Amino acid sequence: MRTWTSERLAWALIGLLVAFWLWFGIASAVEERLGWSNAILHVLVPGGAFALMGAVAWRWRRVGGMLLVAAGVTIMVGYPLVDGEFYTTSTLVFVLLATAAPAIAAGVLLLESRRPVSR
């Protein structure tokens, strides 16, 4: 039972993560009136990257889970270091909660769902 629930929750998180960041990329590109090349980059990074990680996880659960955890940890550490001085604390917390936390949680859930249930 735990495996089934963990996997479903992981897929829900991945779906929400991909949908949110694809929408955010499209909305940002429209609002900022970017050219096509910049608009495509706004949509593909990070939405496309998370979609790709989800596709990898669909085929190879363990590899995809590790990719999601690694991406989440990289964002959690790197984003404040790179852009931290330009944004308020609330913006940093939002980005970390919207990007890093779901990726880490989904990755851990996928990795845990592959473990046999101990009795």
C-alpha atoms as a PDB file:
ATOM      1  CA  MET A   1       0.000   0.000   0.000  1.00  0.00           C
ATOM      2  CA  ARG A   2       2.807   2.434   0.880  1.00  0.00           C
ATOM      3  CA  THR A   3       4.491   1.990  -2.506  1.00  0.00           C
ATOM      4  CA  TRP A   4       1.332   2.782  -4.453  1.00  0.00           C
ATOM      5  CA  THR A   5       0.553   5.874  -2.369  1.00  0.00           C
ATOM      6  CA  SER A   6       4.142   7.160  -2.501  1.00  0.00           C
ATOM      7  CA  GLU A   7       4.308   6.839  -6.259  1.00  0.00           C
ATOM      8  CA  ARG A   8       0.959   8.537  -6.815  1.00  0.00           C
ATOM      9  CA  LEU A   9       1.927  11.435  -4.567  1.00  0.00           C
ATOM     10  CA  ALA A  10       5.284  11.724  -6.348  1.00  0.00           C
ATOM     11  CA  TRP A  11       3.564  11.844  -9.758  1.00  0.00           C
ATOM     12  CA  ALA A  12       1.095  14.434  -8.495  1.00  0.00           C
ATOM     13  CA  LEU A  13       3.983  16.610  -7.285  1.00  0.00           C
ATOM     14  CA  ILE A  14       5.857  16.190 -10.568  1.00  0.00           C
ATOM     15  CA  GLY A  15       2.730  17.053 -12.553  1.00  0.00           C
ATOM     16  CA  LEU A  16       2.061  20.162 -10.465  1.00  0.00           C
ATOM     17  CA  LEU A  17       5.703  21.212 -10.654  1.00  0.00           C
ATOM     18  CA  VAL A  18       5.832  20.861 -14.438  1.00  0.00           C
ATOM     19  CA  ALA A  19       2.443  22.520 -14.967  1.00  0.00           C
ATOM     20  CA  PHE A  20       3.243  25.445 -12.691  1.00  0.00           C
ATOM     21  CA  TRP A  21       6.617  26.185 -14.274  1.00  0.00           C
ATOM     22  CA  LEU A  22       5.370  25.770 -17.835  1.00  0.00           C
ATOM     23  CA  TRP A  23       2.526  28.170 -17.052  1.00  0.00           C
ATOM     24  CA  PHE A  24       4.916  30.560 -15.299  1.00  0.00           C
ATOM     25  CA  GLY A  25       7.291  30.513 -18.278  1.00  0.00           C
ATOM     26  CA  ILE A  26       4.478  31.227 -20.727  1.00  0.00           C
ATOM     27  CA  ALA A  27       2.990  33.973 -18.543  1.00  0.00           C
ATOM     28  CA  SER A  28       6.412  35.594 -18.048  1.00  0.00           C
ATOM     29  CA  ALA A  29       7.173  35.491 -21.762  1.00  0.00           C
ATOM     30  CA  VAL A  30       3.824  37.068 -22.625  1.00  0.00           C
ATOM     31  CA  GLU A  31       4.034  39.744 -19.923  1.00  0.00           C
ATOM     32  CA  GLU A  32       7.625  40.674 -20.743  1.00  0.00           C
ATOM     33  CA  ARG A  33       6.869  40.627 -24.505  1.00  0.00           C
ATOM     34  CA  LEU A  34       9.886  38.525 -25.254  1.00  0.00           C
ATOM     35  CA  GLY A  35      10.968  37.409 -28.694  1.00  0.00           C
ATOM     36  CA  TRP A  36      10.338  33.813 -29.699  1.00  0.00           C
ATOM     37  CA  SER A  37      13.789  32.527 -28.744  1.00  0.00           C
ATOM     38  CA  ASN A  38      13.613  34.054 -25.262  1.00  0.00           C
ATOM     39  CA  ALA A  39       9.994  32.920 -24.859  1.00  0.00           C
ATOM     40  CA  ILE A  40      10.974  29.341 -25.667  1.00  0.00           C
ATOM     41  CA  LEU A  41      13.779  29.500 -23.106  1.00  0.00           C
ATOM     42  CA  HIS A  42      11.350  30.865 -20.479  1.00  0.00           C
ATOM     43  CA  VAL A  43       9.065  27.891 -21.090  1.00  0.00           C
ATOM     44  CA  LEU A  44      11.729  25.188 -21.321  1.00  0.00           C
ATOM     45  CA  VAL A  45      13.739  26.296 -18.303  1.00  0.00           C
ATOM     46  CA  PRO A  46      12.687  25.120 -15.722  1.00  0.00           C
ATOM     47  CA  GLY A  47       9.338  23.680 -16.913  1.00  0.00           C
ATOM     48  CA  GLY A  48      10.866  21.632 -19.713  1.00  0.00           C
ATOM     49  CA  ALA A  49      13.709  20.496 -17.486  1.00  0.00           C
ATOM     50  CA  PHE A  50      11.271  19.198 -14.881  1.00  0.00           C
ATOM     51  CA  ALA A  51       9.196  17.551 -17.636  1.00  0.00           C
ATOM     52  CA  LEU A  52      12.335  15.809 -18.874  1.00  0.00           C
ATOM     53  CA  MET A  53      13.188  14.635 -15.357  1.00  0.00           C
ATOM     54  CA  GLY A  54       9.633  13.359 -15.011  1.00  0.00           C
ATOM     55  CA  ALA A  55       9.984  11.434 -18.280  1.00  0.00           C
ATOM     56  CA  VAL A  56      13.241   9.900 -17.065  1.00  0.00           C
ATOM     57  CA  ALA A  57      11.569   8.997 -13.766  1.00  0.00           C
ATOM     58  CA  TRP A  58       8.679   7.389 -15.658  1.00  0.00           C
ATOM     59  CA  ARG A  59      11.112   5.040 -17.386  1.00  0.00           C
ATOM     60  CA  TRP A  60      13.756   4.693 -14.653  1.00  0.00           C
ATOM     61  CA  ARG A  61      12.303   5.467 -11.208  1.00  0.00           C
ATOM     62  CA  ARG A  62      15.590   5.401  -9.326  1.00  0.00           C
ATOM     63  CA  VAL A  63      17.509   7.571 -11.805  1.00  0.00           C
ATOM     64  CA  GLY A  64      14.615  10.019 -12.097  1.00  0.00           C
ATOM     65  CA  GLY A  65      14.252  10.185  -8.319  1.00  0.00           C
ATOM     66  CA  MET A  66      17.941  10.944  -7.929  1.00  0.00           C
ATOM     67  CA  LEU A  67      17.766  13.599 -10.675  1.00  0.00           C
ATOM     68  CA  LEU A  68      14.827  15.304  -8.954  1.00  0.00           C
ATOM     69  CA  VAL A  69      16.568  15.306  -5.574  1.00  0.00           C
ATOM     70  CA  ALA A  70      19.797  16.597  -7.140  1.00  0.00           C
ATOM     71  CA  ALA A  71      17.919  19.349  -9.001  1.00  0.00           C
ATOM     72  CA  GLY A  72      16.071  20.368  -5.841  1.00  0.00           C
ATOM     73  CA  VAL A  73      19.237  20.511  -3.752  1.00  0.00           C
ATOM     74  CA  THR A  74      21.066  22.417  -6.507  1.00  0.00           C
ATOM     75  CA  ILE A  75      18.246  24.974  -6.650  1.00  0.00           C
ATOM     76  CA  MET A  76      18.043  25.191  -2.852  1.00  0.00           C
ATOM     77  CA  VAL A  77      21.753  25.966  -2.578  1.00  0.00           C
ATOM     78  CA  GLY A  78      22.442  27.721  -5.882  1.00  0.00           C
ATOM     79  CA  TYR A  79      19.493  30.060  -6.268  1.00  0.00           C
ATOM     80  CA  PRO A  80      20.148  32.074  -3.100  1.00  0.00           C
ATOM     81  CA  LEU A  81      23.870  32.222  -3.919  1.00  0.00           C
ATOM     82  CA  VAL A  82      23.334  33.421  -7.495  1.00  0.00           C
ATOM     83  CA  ASP A  83      20.232  35.620  -7.183  1.00  0.00           C
ATOM     84  CA  GLY A  84      19.831  36.074  -3.434  1.00  0.00           C
ATOM     85  CA  GLU A  85      21.045  39.655  -3.320  1.00  0.00           C
ATOM     86  CA  PHE A  86      18.538  40.754  -5.976  1.00  0.00           C
ATOM     87  CA  TYR A  87      15.386  39.439  -4.305  1.00  0.00           C
ATOM     88  CA  THR A  88      13.614  39.794  -1.002  1.00  0.00           C
ATOM     89  CA  THR A  89      13.573  36.976   1.500  1.00  0.00           C
ATOM     90  CA  SER A  90       9.917  36.260   0.728  1.00  0.00           C
ATOM     91  CA  THR A  91      10.726  35.845  -2.974  1.00  0.00           C
ATOM     92  CA  LEU A  92      13.579  33.473  -2.174  1.00  0.00           C
ATOM     93  CA  VAL A  93      11.343  31.422   0.123  1.00  0.00           C
ATOM     94  CA  PHE A  94       8.618  31.275  -2.562  1.00  0.00           C
ATOM     95  CA  VAL A  95      11.036  30.058  -5.232  1.00  0.00           C
ATOM     96  CA  LEU A  96      12.513  27.457  -2.911  1.00  0.00           C
ATOM     97  CA  LEU A  97       9.055  26.231  -1.861  1.00  0.00           C
ATOM     98  CA  ALA A  98       7.748  26.232  -5.444  1.00  0.00           C
ATOM     99  CA  THR A  99      10.779  24.641  -7.068  1.00  0.00           C
ATOM    100  CA  ALA A 100      13.204  22.935  -4.721  1.00  0.00           C
ATOM    101  CA  ALA A 101      10.834  21.458  -2.130  1.00  0.00           C
ATOM    102  CA  PRO A 102       8.458  19.654  -4.552  1.00  0.00           C
ATOM    103  CA  ALA A 103      11.373  18.314  -6.605  1.00  0.00           C
ATOM    104  CA  ILE A 104      13.111  16.940  -3.506  1.00  0.00           C
ATOM    105  CA  ALA A 105       9.871  15.529  -2.096  1.00  0.00           C
ATOM    106  CA  ALA A 106       8.919  13.850  -5.398  1.00  0.00           C
ATOM    107  CA  GLY A 107      12.412  12.411  -5.805  1.00  0.00           C
ATOM    108  CA  VAL A 108      12.474  11.024  -2.267  1.00  0.00           C
ATOM    109  CA  LEU A 109       8.987   9.552  -2.699  1.00  0.00           C
ATOM    110  CA  LEU A 110      10.034   7.832  -5.935  1.00  0.00           C
ATOM    111  CA  LEU A 111      13.171   6.463  -4.304  1.00  0.00           C
ATOM    112  CA  GLU A 112      11.199   5.258  -1.270  1.00  0.00           C
ATOM    113  CA  SER A 113       8.500   3.681  -3.421  1.00  0.00           C
ATOM    114  CA  ARG A 114      11.076   1.338  -4.905  1.00  0.00           C
ATOM    115  CA  ARG A 115      12.106  -0.029  -1.510  1.00  0.00           C
ATOM    116  CA  PRO A 116      10.428  -3.164  -0.277  1.00  0.00           C
ATOM    117  CA  VAL A 117       8.077  -2.602   2.655  1.00  0.00           C
ATOM    118  CA  SER A 118       9.705  -3.917   5.825  1.00  0.00           C
ATOM    119  CA  ARG A 119       7.549  -5.861   8.224  1.00  0.00           C
END
